[in-house]
C-alpha atoms as a PDB file:
ATOM      1  CA  UNK A   1      -0.016   0.081  -0.057  1.00  0.00           C
ATOM      2  CA  UNK A   2       1.094   3.533  -0.878  1.00  0.00           C
ATOM      3  CA  UNK A   3       0.354   6.653   0.955  1.00  0.00           C
ATOM      4  CA  UNK A   4      -0.346   9.985  -0.817  1.00  0.00           C
ATOM      5  CA  UNK A   5      -0.699  13.376   0.864  1.00  0.00           C
ATOM      6  CA  UNK A   6      -3.355  15.354  -0.722  1.00  0.00           C
ATOM      7  CA  UNK A   7      -3.900  19.224  -0.267  1.00  0.00           C
ATOM      8  CA  UNK A   8      -7.547  20.351  -0.428  1.00  0.00           C
ATOM      9  CA  UNK A   9      -7.964  24.117   0.152  1.00  0.00           C
ATOM     10  CA  UNK A  10      -4.622  24.182   2.056  1.00  0.00           C
ATOM     11  CA  UNK A  11      -5.364  21.392   4.308  1.00  0.00           C
ATOM     12  CA  UNK A  12      -3.255  18.159   3.801  1.00  0.00           C
ATOM     13  CA  UNK A  13      -4.846  14.783   4.041  1.00  0.00           C
ATOM     14  CA  UNK A  14      -2.742  11.452   3.913  1.00  0.00           C
ATOM     15  CA  UNK A  15      -4.433   8.804   2.326  1.00  0.00           C
ATOM     16  CA  UNK A  16      -3.690   5.144   1.282  1.00  0.00           C
ATOM     17  CA  UNK A  17      -3.814   3.908  -2.214  1.00  0.00           C
ATOM     18  CA  UNK A  18      -2.641   0.707  -3.997  1.00  0.00           C
ATOM     19  CA  UNK A  19       0.763   0.807  -5.174  1.00  0.00           C
ATOM     20  CA  UNK A  20       1.382   2.540  -8.328  1.00  0.00           C
ATOM     21  CA  UNK A  21      -1.894   4.507  -8.167  1.00  0.00           C
ATOM     22  CA  UNK A  22      -0.325   7.346  -6.381  1.00  0.00           C
ATOM     23  CA  UNK A  23      -0.107   9.641  -9.551  1.00  0.00           C
ATOM     24  CA  UNK A  24      -3.669   9.049 -10.398  1.00  0.00           C
ATOM     25  CA  UNK A  25      -4.873   9.841  -6.830  1.00  0.00           C
ATOM     26  CA  UNK A  26      -2.980  12.955  -6.832  1.00  0.00           C
ATOM     27  CA  UNK A  27      -4.473  13.943 -10.175  1.00  0.00           C
ATOM     28  CA  UNK A  28      -7.855  13.148  -8.898  1.00  0.00           C
ATOM     29  CA  UNK A  29      -7.159  15.273  -5.810  1.00  0.00           C
ATOM     30  CA  UNK A  30      -6.142  18.315  -7.937  1.00  0.00           C
ATOM     31  CA  UNK A  31      -9.464  18.152  -9.691  1.00  0.00           C
ATOM     32  CA  UNK A  32     -11.324  17.764  -6.466  1.00  0.00           C
ATOM     33  CA  UNK A  33      -9.317  20.773  -5.161  1.00  0.00           C
ATOM     34  CA  UNK A  34     -10.367  22.657  -8.505  1.00  0.00           C
ATOM     35  CA  UNK A  35     -14.063  21.977  -7.843  1.00  0.00           C
ATOM     36  CA  UNK A  36     -13.863  22.955  -4.198  1.00  0.00           C
ATOM     37  CA  UNK A  37     -11.976  26.101  -4.949  1.00  0.00           C
ATOM     38  CA  UNK A  38     -14.632  27.076  -7.502  1.00  0.00           C
ATOM     39  CA  UNK A  39     -17.331  26.328  -5.189  1.00  0.00           C
ATOM     40  CA  UNK A  40     -15.692  28.549  -2.472  1.00  0.00           C
ATOM     41  CA  UNK A  41     -15.525  31.418  -4.642  1.00  0.00           C
ATOM     42  CA  UNK A  42     -19.321  30.975  -5.415  1.00  0.00           C
ATOM     43  CA  UNK A  43     -20.187  30.295  -1.753  1.00  0.00           C
ATOM     44  CA  UNK A  44     -17.631  32.334   0.345  1.00  0.00           C
ATOM     45  CA  UNK A  45     -19.421  31.547   3.622  1.00  0.00           C
ATOM     46  CA  UNK A  46     -19.532  27.704   3.160  1.00  0.00           C
ATOM     47  CA  UNK A  47     -16.994  25.841   5.311  1.00  0.00           C
ATOM     48  CA  UNK A  48     -14.708  23.110   3.951  1.00  0.00           C
ATOM     49  CA  UNK A  49     -17.178  20.306   4.794  1.00  0.00           C
ATOM     50  CA  UNK A  50     -19.901  21.976   2.934  1.00  0.00           C
ATOM     51  CA  UNK A  51     -17.746  22.743  -0.046  1.00  0.00           C
ATOM     52  CA  UNK A  52     -16.534  19.084  -0.046  1.00  0.00           C
ATOM     53  CA  UNK A  53     -20.045  17.767   0.115  1.00  0.00           C
ATOM     54  CA  UNK A  54     -21.183  20.040  -2.745  1.00  0.00           C
ATOM     55  CA  UNK A  55     -18.152  19.162  -4.975  1.00  0.00           C
ATOM     56  CA  UNK A  56     -18.848  15.601  -4.447  1.00  0.00           C
ATOM     57  CA  UNK A  57     -22.408  15.963  -5.462  1.00  0.00           C
ATOM     58  CA  UNK A  58     -21.398  17.753  -8.536  1.00  0.00           C
ATOM     59  CA  UNK A  59     -18.900  15.237  -9.654  1.00  0.00           C
ATOM     60  CA  UNK A  60     -21.401  12.427  -8.813  1.00  0.00           C
ATOM     61  CA  UNK A  61     -23.927  14.014 -10.556  1.00  0.00           C
ATOM     62  CA  UNK A  62     -21.885  14.375 -13.890  1.00  0.00           C
ATOM     63  CA  UNK A  63     -20.895  10.556 -13.642  1.00  0.00           C
ATOM     64  CA  UNK A  64     -24.352   9.358 -12.610  1.00  0.00           C
ATOM     65  CA  UNK A  65     -25.316   6.480 -14.991  1.00  0.00           C
ATOM     66  CA  UNK A  66     -29.043   6.521 -13.626  1.00  0.00           C
ATOM     67  CA  UNK A  67     -29.610  10.119 -14.798  1.00  0.00           C
ATOM     68  CA  UNK A  68     -32.122  10.046 -17.707  1.00  0.00           C
ATOM     69  CA  UNK A  69     -30.429  10.645 -20.972  1.00  0.00           C
ATOM     70  CA  UNK A  70     -31.626  13.556 -22.969  1.00  0.00           C
ATOM     71  CA  UNK A  71     -34.862  12.730 -24.616  1.00  0.00           C
ATOM     72  CA  UNK A  72     -34.790  13.227 -28.407  1.00  0.00           C
ATOM     73  CA  UNK A  73     -37.652  15.450 -29.486  1.00  0.00           C
ATOM     74  CA  UNK A  74     -40.734  13.583 -30.524  1.00  0.00           C
ATOM     75  CA  UNK A  75     -42.394  16.331 -32.326  1.00  0.00           C
ATOM     76  CA  UNK A  76     -42.704  15.816 -36.038  1.00  0.00           C
ATOM     77  CA  UNK A  77     -41.438  18.721 -38.059  1.00  0.00           C
ATOM     78  CA  UNK A  78     -44.236  21.255 -39.228  1.00  0.00           C
ATOM     79  CA  UNK A  79     -45.516  20.487 -42.643  1.00  0.00           C
ATOM     80  CA  UNK A  80     -44.390  22.729 -45.489  1.00  0.00           C
ATOM     81  CA  UNK A  81     -46.986  25.335 -46.449  1.00  0.00           C
ATOM     82  CA  UNK A  82     -48.411  24.545 -49.870  1.00  0.00           C
ATOM     83  CA  UNK A  83     -49.117  27.429 -52.467  1.00  0.00           C
ATOM     84  CA  UNK A  84     -52.807  27.742 -51.382  1.00  0.00           C
ATOM     85  CA  UNK A  85     -51.554  28.221 -47.589  1.00  0.00           C
ATOM     86  CA  UNK A  86     -49.153  30.843 -48.663  1.00  0.00           C
ATOM     87  CA  UNK A  87     -51.655  32.659 -50.674  1.00  0.00           C
ATOM     88  CA  UNK A  88     -54.310  32.598 -48.001  1.00  0.00           C
ATOM     89  CA  UNK A  89     -51.673  34.151 -45.538  1.00  0.00           C
ATOM     90  CA  UNK A  90     -50.888  36.653 -48.055  1.00  0.00           C
ATOM     91  CA  UNK A  91     -54.472  37.585 -48.449  1.00  0.00           C
ATOM     92  CA  UNK A  92     -54.893  37.890 -44.646  1.00  0.00           C
ATOM     93  CA  UNK A  93     -51.809  39.870 -44.052  1.00  0.00           C
ATOM     94  CA  UNK A  94     -52.918  42.255 -46.782  1.00  0.00           C
ATOM     95  CA  UNK A  95     -56.417  42.554 -45.291  1.00  0.00           C
ATOM     96  CA  UNK A  96     -54.647  43.383 -41.858  1.00  0.00           C
ATOM     97  CA  UNK A  97     -52.470  46.183 -43.630  1.00  0.00           C
ATOM     98  CA  UNK A  98     -55.546  47.611 -45.200  1.00  0.00           C
ATOM     99  CA  UNK A  99     -57.206  47.603 -41.809  1.00  0.00           C
ATOM    100  CA  UNK A 100     -54.389  49.333 -39.995  1.00  0.00           C
ATOM    101  CA  UNK A 101     -53.916  51.844 -43.043  1.00  0.00           C
ATOM    102  CA  UNK A 102     -57.710  52.641 -42.586  1.00  0.00           C
ATOM    103  CA  UNK A 103     -57.371  53.442 -38.887  1.00  0.00           C
ATOM    104  CA  UNK A 104     -54.250  55.374 -39.056  1.00  0.00           C
ATOM    105  CA  UNK A 105     -54.790  57.243 -42.331  1.00  0.00           C
END
């Protein structure tokens, strides 16, 4: 078993890890420290315990395999307007324009 000393927000923690995993554990601790430091800037009144809890939840949430995947849109695309639709729309718009002109002329 190896031991690694991690620093999170200027506090040292010595943890055990499997031989050969020291570099990986240090890399993960660096990432954790970045999360905690970012949260500390957003929540300056939070103590270290709360920051560690929040960072853990953020990290776990991003890796949660039970989170539902984004659902694809089930809406069918709108139908393309026909020439008849466009003519009808054009006539209605022209009628609105004429009405507005009549009120403000």
